[in-house]
């Protein structure tokens, strides 16, 4: 399975928000970075802003399970 390319960027958040994200991440057994990725992905999914998956991508996912 090919690994997706990632991009890095700096994100500035206030300390109260960061504390809340870190606690949430710990509660979900995720890293802070993983939690932020999950939050962003979920928001994009709910807003229907994620790119549509190609049929071959869907076939590969069903074969992986």
N, C-alpha and C. Protein backbone atom coordinates (compact mmCIF):
# COMPACT_ATOMS: atom_id res chain seq x y z
N UNK A 1 0.85 -1.18 0.00
CA UNK A 1 0.00 0.00 0.00
C UNK A 1 0.90 1.24 0.00
N UNK A 2 0.63 2.17 -0.90
CA UNK A 2 1.43 3.38 -0.99
C UNK A 2 1.10 4.31 0.17
N UNK A 3 2.15 4.92 0.70
CA UNK A 3 1.97 5.86 1.82
C UNK A 3 1.59 7.24 1.27
N UNK A 4 0.62 7.88 1.89
CA UNK A 4 0.20 9.21 1.45
C UNK A 4 1.26 10.24 1.79
N UNK A 5 1.44 11.20 0.90
CA UNK A 5 2.36 12.30 1.16
C UNK A 5 1.74 13.22 2.21
N UNK A 6 2.57 13.75 3.07
CA UNK A 6 2.08 14.69 4.08
C UNK A 6 2.79 16.02 3.91
N UNK A 7 2.12 17.07 4.37
CA UNK A 7 2.69 18.41 4.36
C UNK A 7 2.74 18.90 5.80
N UNK A 8 3.78 19.61 6.12
CA UNK A 8 3.94 20.17 7.45
C UNK A 8 3.61 21.65 7.43
N UNK A 9 3.06 22.12 8.55
CA UNK A 9 2.82 23.55 8.70
C UNK A 9 2.76 23.89 10.18
N UNK A 10 2.95 25.15 10.48
CA UNK A 10 2.91 25.61 11.85
C UNK A 10 1.48 26.05 12.17
N UNK A 11 0.99 25.62 13.33
CA UNK A 11 -0.35 25.99 13.77
C UNK A 11 -0.22 26.66 15.13
N UNK A 12 -0.75 27.84 15.24
CA UNK A 12 -0.72 28.55 16.52
C UNK A 12 -2.11 28.50 17.14
N UNK A 13 -2.19 27.99 18.36
CA UNK A 13 -3.46 27.96 19.10
C UNK A 13 -3.18 28.46 20.51
N UNK A 14 -4.21 28.99 21.13
CA UNK A 14 -4.02 29.48 22.50
C UNK A 14 -3.84 28.28 23.45
N UNK A 15 -3.26 28.54 24.60
CA UNK A 15 -2.89 27.46 25.51
C UNK A 15 -4.10 26.69 26.04
N UNK A 16 -5.24 27.34 26.26
CA UNK A 16 -6.43 26.63 26.72
C UNK A 16 -6.93 25.64 25.67
N UNK A 17 -6.91 26.06 24.41
CA UNK A 17 -7.32 25.17 23.32
C UNK A 17 -6.36 24.00 23.20
N UNK A 18 -5.07 24.28 23.29
CA UNK A 18 -4.08 23.22 23.19
C UNK A 18 -4.21 22.23 24.34
N UNK A 19 -4.44 22.72 25.53
CA UNK A 19 -4.65 21.84 26.68
C UNK A 19 -5.85 20.93 26.46
N UNK A 20 -6.92 21.47 25.90
CA UNK A 20 -8.12 20.68 25.64
C UNK A 20 -7.85 19.62 24.57
N UNK A 21 -7.10 19.98 23.53
CA UNK A 21 -6.76 19.02 22.47
C UNK A 21 -5.87 17.92 23.02
N UNK A 22 -4.89 18.28 23.83
CA UNK A 22 -4.00 17.28 24.42
C UNK A 22 -4.75 16.32 25.33
N UNK A 23 -5.69 16.82 26.13
CA UNK A 23 -6.48 15.96 27.00
C UNK A 23 -7.37 15.04 26.18
N UNK A 24 -8.01 15.59 25.15
CA UNK A 24 -8.86 14.79 24.28
C UNK A 24 -8.04 13.69 23.61
N UNK A 25 -6.86 14.04 23.12
CA UNK A 25 -5.98 13.06 22.48
C UNK A 25 -5.63 11.94 23.45
N UNK A 26 -5.28 12.29 24.67
CA UNK A 26 -4.94 11.27 25.68
C UNK A 26 -6.15 10.38 25.96
N UNK A 27 -7.33 10.96 26.04
CA UNK A 27 -8.54 10.18 26.28
C UNK A 27 -8.82 9.19 25.16
N UNK A 28 -8.43 9.53 23.94
CA UNK A 28 -8.66 8.70 22.76
C UNK A 28 -7.44 7.83 22.43
N UNK A 29 -6.41 7.88 23.26
CA UNK A 29 -5.16 7.13 23.04
C UNK A 29 -4.51 7.48 21.71
N UNK A 30 -4.52 8.79 21.39
CA UNK A 30 -3.88 9.28 20.18
C UNK A 30 -2.80 10.28 20.57
N UNK A 31 -1.89 10.54 19.64
CA UNK A 31 -0.95 11.64 19.81
C UNK A 31 -1.71 12.94 19.58
N UNK A 32 -1.14 14.04 20.00
CA UNK A 32 -1.76 15.33 19.75
C UNK A 32 -1.87 15.57 18.25
N UNK A 33 -0.82 15.25 17.52
CA UNK A 33 -0.84 15.41 16.07
C UNK A 33 -1.93 14.53 15.44
N UNK A 34 -2.01 13.29 15.88
CA UNK A 34 -3.03 12.39 15.38
C UNK A 34 -4.44 12.89 15.67
N UNK A 35 -4.62 13.47 16.85
CA UNK A 35 -5.93 14.01 17.21
C UNK A 35 -6.29 15.19 16.31
N UNK A 36 -5.33 16.08 16.07
CA UNK A 36 -5.59 17.21 15.17
C UNK A 36 -5.93 16.73 13.76
N UNK A 37 -5.21 15.72 13.27
CA UNK A 37 -5.51 15.17 11.96
C UNK A 37 -6.93 14.59 11.93
N UNK A 38 -7.30 13.88 12.98
CA UNK A 38 -8.63 13.29 13.06
C UNK A 38 -9.72 14.38 13.09
N UNK A 39 -9.50 15.42 13.90
CA UNK A 39 -10.47 16.52 13.99
C UNK A 39 -10.66 17.16 12.62
N UNK A 40 -9.57 17.44 11.94
CA UNK A 40 -9.65 18.09 10.63
C UNK A 40 -10.33 17.17 9.61
N UNK A 41 -9.95 15.90 9.60
CA UNK A 41 -10.56 14.95 8.66
C UNK A 41 -12.06 14.82 8.90
N UNK A 42 -12.46 14.72 10.16
CA UNK A 42 -13.88 14.61 10.49
C UNK A 42 -14.66 15.87 10.06
N UNK A 43 -14.08 17.03 10.29
CA UNK A 43 -14.74 18.28 9.87
C UNK A 43 -14.88 18.32 8.35
N UNK A 44 -13.84 17.92 7.63
CA UNK A 44 -13.90 17.90 6.17
C UNK A 44 -14.92 16.87 5.68
N UNK A 45 -14.97 15.71 6.32
CA UNK A 45 -15.92 14.68 5.93
C UNK A 45 -17.35 15.16 6.14
N UNK A 46 -17.62 15.74 7.30
CA UNK A 46 -18.98 16.22 7.60
C UNK A 46 -19.40 17.34 6.67
N UNK A 47 -18.45 18.17 6.24
CA UNK A 47 -18.74 19.27 5.32
C UNK A 47 -18.72 18.81 3.86
N UNK A 48 -18.47 17.52 3.66
CA UNK A 48 -18.36 16.94 2.31
C UNK A 48 -17.32 17.66 1.47
N UNK A 49 -16.18 17.94 2.09
CA UNK A 49 -15.09 18.64 1.42
C UNK A 49 -13.92 17.73 1.08
N UNK A 50 -13.98 16.46 1.49
CA UNK A 50 -12.90 15.54 1.15
C UNK A 50 -13.00 15.15 -0.31
N UNK A 51 -11.86 14.94 -0.98
CA UNK A 51 -11.93 14.51 -2.38
C UNK A 51 -12.60 13.14 -2.47
N UNK A 52 -13.31 12.91 -3.55
CA UNK A 52 -13.96 11.62 -3.77
C UNK A 52 -12.89 10.56 -3.99
N UNK A 53 -13.12 9.38 -3.42
CA UNK A 53 -12.17 8.28 -3.60
C UNK A 53 -12.41 7.63 -4.95
N UNK A 54 -11.30 7.22 -5.58
CA UNK A 54 -11.40 6.53 -6.87
C UNK A 54 -11.89 5.11 -6.62
N UNK A 55 -12.50 4.51 -7.62
CA UNK A 55 -13.02 3.16 -7.50
C UNK A 55 -11.90 2.19 -7.10
N UNK A 56 -10.70 2.35 -7.65
CA UNK A 56 -9.61 1.44 -7.30
C UNK A 56 -9.23 1.58 -5.84
N UNK A 57 -9.33 2.80 -5.28
CA UNK A 57 -9.04 3.00 -3.86
C UNK A 57 -10.05 2.25 -3.01
N UNK A 58 -11.32 2.29 -3.39
CA UNK A 58 -12.36 1.59 -2.64
C UNK A 58 -12.16 0.08 -2.74
N UNK A 59 -11.76 -0.42 -3.91
CA UNK A 59 -11.51 -1.85 -4.08
C UNK A 59 -10.35 -2.30 -3.20
N UNK A 60 -9.30 -1.49 -3.13
CA UNK A 60 -8.14 -1.84 -2.31
C UNK A 60 -8.51 -1.87 -0.83
N UNK A 61 -9.36 -0.95 -0.38
CA UNK A 61 -9.77 -0.92 1.02
C UNK A 61 -10.55 -2.17 1.38
N UNK A 62 -11.44 -2.62 0.50
CA UNK A 62 -12.24 -3.80 0.83
C UNK A 62 -11.37 -5.05 0.81
N UNK A 63 -10.32 -5.07 0.01
CA UNK A 63 -9.40 -6.21 -0.01
C UNK A 63 -8.51 -6.26 1.22
N UNK A 64 -8.25 -5.09 1.83
CA UNK A 64 -7.37 -5.01 3.00
C UNK A 64 -8.05 -5.56 4.25
N UNK A 65 -9.36 -5.60 4.27
CA UNK A 65 -10.08 -5.99 5.48
C UNK A 65 -10.27 -7.46 5.59
